[in-house]
Amino acid sequence: MKFSSKGIVYRLSSKQQLPITIDQAWEFLSNPANLKEITPKYMSFDIVSGADRPMFAGQIIQYIVTPILGIKTTWVTEITHVVDKEYFVDEQRFGPYALWHHKHFIKEIDGGVEMEDIIDYKVSLGFLGRLVHPILVKPKLTEIFNYRTKKLVDLFGVINK
């Protein structure tokens, strides 16, 4: 997992390899209902609407999530781009970030697939948000993506080299 910053837009990138086929990876990752399974339980992640059909460009998905201090937050994302078995992009339309643009890539590799996430985001609250980013936001995102990495290993295993 890697963080970087260009001005006030931050980037989180992560790669993971799993011993599954591209079809299995796409089936799991492109189903919005599976997001709950790879999100820490304490976040009380619930899909309110929009996950009732396979992923498509223009799909709006609404969630309720409790990321910190028991504060429930509504998060609305739009799936803006989908290329079957290659990538999809979700963008926040309403929620805790000033900007959230999340690209999900998958590709076949020897022994399985490599998944890559690239998230460009901007925290809300201007200067105050930038102050709390290294104390609260960055550690929370690290925790969430570490959980996802472990959960995907629990579900699918690791590639033996």
Protein backbone atom coordinates (compact mmCIF):
# COMPACT_ATOMS: atom_id res chain seq x y z
CA MET A 1 0.00 0.00 0.00
CA LYS A 2 1.35 3.39 -0.95
CA PHE A 3 0.21 6.93 -0.21
CA SER A 4 1.28 10.02 -2.12
CA SER A 5 0.15 13.60 -2.40
CA LYS A 6 0.08 16.21 -5.13
CA GLY A 7 -1.03 19.38 -3.39
CA ILE A 8 -4.33 18.71 -1.63
CA VAL A 9 -5.29 15.56 -3.55
CA TYR A 10 -4.00 12.39 -1.93
CA ARG A 11 -3.46 9.03 -3.59
CA LEU A 12 -3.69 5.57 -2.09
CA SER A 13 -2.58 2.67 -4.26
CA SER A 14 -2.58 -1.01 -3.47
CA LYS A 15 -1.88 -4.26 -5.32
CA GLN A 16 -2.80 -7.80 -4.33
CA GLN A 17 -2.39 -11.14 -6.05
CA LEU A 18 -4.93 -13.93 -5.61
CA PRO A 19 -4.99 -17.55 -6.88
CA ILE A 20 -8.32 -17.22 -8.70
CA THR A 21 -9.40 -16.85 -12.30
CA ILE A 22 -10.22 -13.53 -13.91
CA ASP A 23 -13.86 -14.67 -14.05
CA GLN A 24 -13.93 -15.42 -10.30
CA ALA A 25 -12.24 -12.10 -9.50
CA TRP A 26 -14.63 -10.11 -11.68
CA GLU A 27 -17.69 -11.91 -10.33
CA PHE A 28 -16.70 -11.08 -6.75
CA LEU A 29 -15.36 -7.54 -7.24
CA SER A 30 -18.08 -6.29 -9.56
CA ASN A 31 -20.87 -7.32 -7.18
CA PRO A 32 -21.52 -4.29 -4.92
CA ALA A 33 -23.05 -6.56 -2.25
CA ASN A 34 -19.60 -8.09 -1.63
CA LEU A 35 -18.23 -4.77 -0.40
CA LYS A 36 -19.86 -5.43 2.98
CA GLU A 37 -17.93 -8.71 3.27
CA ILE A 38 -14.54 -6.99 2.86
CA THR A 39 -15.30 -4.00 5.13
CA PRO A 40 -14.50 -4.15 8.87
CA LYS A 41 -17.58 -5.17 10.88
CA TYR A 42 -17.30 -2.22 13.30
CA MET A 43 -18.05 0.13 10.39
CA SER A 44 -21.63 -1.23 10.23
CA PHE A 45 -21.57 -1.06 6.43
CA ASP A 46 -25.06 -1.33 4.98
CA ILE A 47 -26.16 -0.93 1.38
CA VAL A 48 -29.36 1.11 1.27
CA SER A 49 -30.01 0.98 -2.47
CA GLY A 50 -28.53 0.34 -5.89
CA ALA A 51 -26.89 -3.07 -5.48
CA ASP A 52 -29.80 -5.09 -6.83
CA ARG A 53 -28.29 -5.79 -10.27
CA PRO A 54 -24.89 -6.48 -11.83
CA MET A 55 -22.57 -3.48 -12.04
CA PHE A 56 -23.08 -1.02 -14.88
CA ALA A 57 -21.88 2.48 -15.79
CA GLY A 58 -24.25 5.01 -14.29
CA GLN A 59 -25.22 2.80 -11.34
CA ILE A 60 -25.84 4.77 -8.14
CA ILE A 61 -25.21 2.90 -4.88
CA GLN A 62 -26.11 4.32 -1.49
CA TYR A 63 -24.48 3.09 1.74
CA ILE A 64 -24.65 3.89 5.41
CA VAL A 65 -21.29 3.46 7.11
CA THR A 66 -19.94 4.24 10.58
CA PRO A 67 -16.23 4.97 10.04
CA ILE A 68 -15.34 6.74 13.29
CA LEU A 69 -16.73 7.48 16.75
CA GLY A 70 -20.03 5.72 16.03
CA ILE A 71 -21.07 8.51 13.64
CA LYS A 72 -23.30 7.19 10.85
CA THR A 73 -22.47 8.60 7.44
CA THR A 74 -24.37 8.38 4.18
CA TRP A 75 -22.14 7.64 1.21
CA VAL A 76 -23.42 7.71 -2.37
CA THR A 77 -21.21 6.49 -5.20
CA GLU A 78 -21.67 6.26 -8.94
CA ILE A 79 -20.06 3.55 -11.04
CA THR A 80 -18.80 5.76 -13.86
CA HIS A 81 -16.81 3.32 -16.00
CA VAL A 82 -16.94 -0.45 -16.47
CA VAL A 83 -14.87 -2.60 -18.81
CA ASP A 84 -15.80 -6.25 -18.28
CA LYS A 85 -13.06 -8.24 -16.54
CA GLU A 86 -10.59 -5.33 -16.72
CA TYR A 87 -11.61 -2.40 -14.54
CA PHE A 88 -14.33 -0.24 -13.05
CA VAL A 89 -14.38 3.19 -11.45
CA ASP A 90 -16.52 4.44 -8.59
CA GLU A 91 -16.82 8.11 -7.70
CA GLN A 92 -18.38 9.61 -4.60
CA ARG A 93 -21.40 11.76 -5.35
CA PHE A 94 -22.22 12.49 -1.69
CA GLY A 95 -20.28 11.57 1.41
CA PRO A 96 -17.36 12.28 3.69
CA TYR A 97 -14.76 13.30 1.08
CA ALA A 98 -14.47 16.42 -1.04
CA LEU A 99 -13.27 14.09 -3.83
CA TRP A 100 -13.23 10.28 -4.07
CA HIS A 101 -12.25 8.62 -7.36
CA HIS A 102 -11.53 4.88 -6.99
CA LYS A 103 -10.18 2.81 -9.88
CA HIS A 104 -10.28 -1.01 -9.58
CA PHE A 105 -8.10 -2.92 -12.07
CA ILE A 106 -7.73 -6.68 -12.47
CA LYS A 107 -5.44 -8.60 -14.79
CA GLU A 108 -4.38 -12.18 -15.27
CA ILE A 109 -0.94 -13.18 -14.02
CA ASP A 110 0.81 -16.53 -13.61
CA GLY A 111 -1.17 -18.48 -11.04
CA GLY A 112 -4.11 -16.09 -10.72
CA VAL A 113 -4.97 -12.41 -10.89
CA GLU A 114 -3.49 -9.14 -9.74
CA MET A 115 -5.90 -6.58 -8.37
CA GLU A 116 -4.88 -2.95 -8.20
CA ASP A 117 -6.73 -0.14 -6.46
CA ILE A 118 -5.90 3.51 -7.12
CA ILE A 119 -7.82 6.05 -5.09
CA ASP A 120 -7.46 9.78 -5.59
CA TYR A 121 -9.17 11.67 -2.79
CA LYS A 122 -9.42 15.04 -1.14
CA VAL A 123 -10.47 15.48 2.47
CA SER A 124 -13.28 17.85 3.40
CA LEU A 125 -12.99 20.85 5.74
CA GLY A 126 -10.09 22.57 3.94
CA PHE A 127 -7.07 23.33 6.13
CA LEU A 128 -8.60 21.51 9.12
CA GLY A 129 -9.14 18.39 6.99
CA ARG A 130 -5.54 18.49 5.79
CA LEU A 131 -4.40 18.76 9.43
CA VAL A 132 -6.34 15.66 10.51
CA HIS A 133 -5.44 13.65 7.38
CA PRO A 134 -2.21 12.14 8.78
CA ILE A 135 -3.76 11.62 12.22
CA LEU A 136 -7.17 10.22 11.33
CA VAL A 137 -7.95 9.76 7.62
CA LYS A 138 -4.75 8.12 6.38
CA PRO A 139 -4.54 5.63 9.30
CA LYS A 140 -8.24 4.74 8.87
CA LEU A 141 -7.84 4.10 5.13
CA THR A 142 -4.72 2.03 5.83
CA GLU A 143 -6.67 -0.02 8.38
CA ILE A 144 -9.58 -0.58 5.98
CA PHE A 145 -7.38 -1.67 3.07
CA ASN A 146 -5.26 -3.91 5.30
CA TYR A 147 -8.49 -5.55 6.45
CA ARG A 148 -9.58 -6.02 2.82
CA THR A 149 -6.25 -7.56 1.90
CA LYS A 150 -6.48 -10.04 4.77
CA LYS A 151 -10.15 -10.82 4.10
CA LEU A 152 -9.48 -11.53 0.41
CA VAL A 153 -6.65 -13.89 1.42
CA ASP A 154 -9.03 -15.60 3.87
CA LEU A 155 -11.61 -16.00 1.09
CA PHE A 156 -9.33 -16.96 -1.82
CA GLY A 157 -5.87 -17.89 -0.49
CA VAL A 158 -2.44 -16.82 -1.72
CA ILE A 159 -0.48 -17.59 -4.84
CA ASN A 160 2.24 -20.16 -4.11
CA LYS A 161 5.42 -19.31 -5.94
